[in-house]
Amino acid sequence: MGIKIFGRVNNKVTSMVKIKNNKHRLLHRLKIVRGHLEKIIHMVEDDTYCIDILLQSRAVQKALKSIDSTIMEEHLNTCAIDQVRTGKQEQLIKELVKIYKYK
């Protein structure tokens, strides 16, 4: 994952606090999603009405997409820039193509 304690954005070292806060925010959001997913599991076990399960499932999927977007933005602002600067463009391209094949 592209989240680092130290990174570079526009050739400036980003603050450790900002990146660390992003990591904490992501972990917090992932834990919330995990809680929702556990709720969905219980709903299925309890034979809850299908539409209610689907609505919860869609909410989890939307939250995960938002988390993915945040992680990708962080990756592009840190790791991808470093890869270009160090001549690893081919690796970067392969990684990005691989990610977008899963969309």
Foldseek 3Di string as FASTA:
>chain_A
DLQDLWFDAPNDIDHSVVSVVLVVVLVVLVVVLVVLVVVLVVCVVVVHDPVVSVVSVVVSVVSVVVSVVSVVVSNVRGVVVVCVVVVNPVVVVVVVVVVVVVD
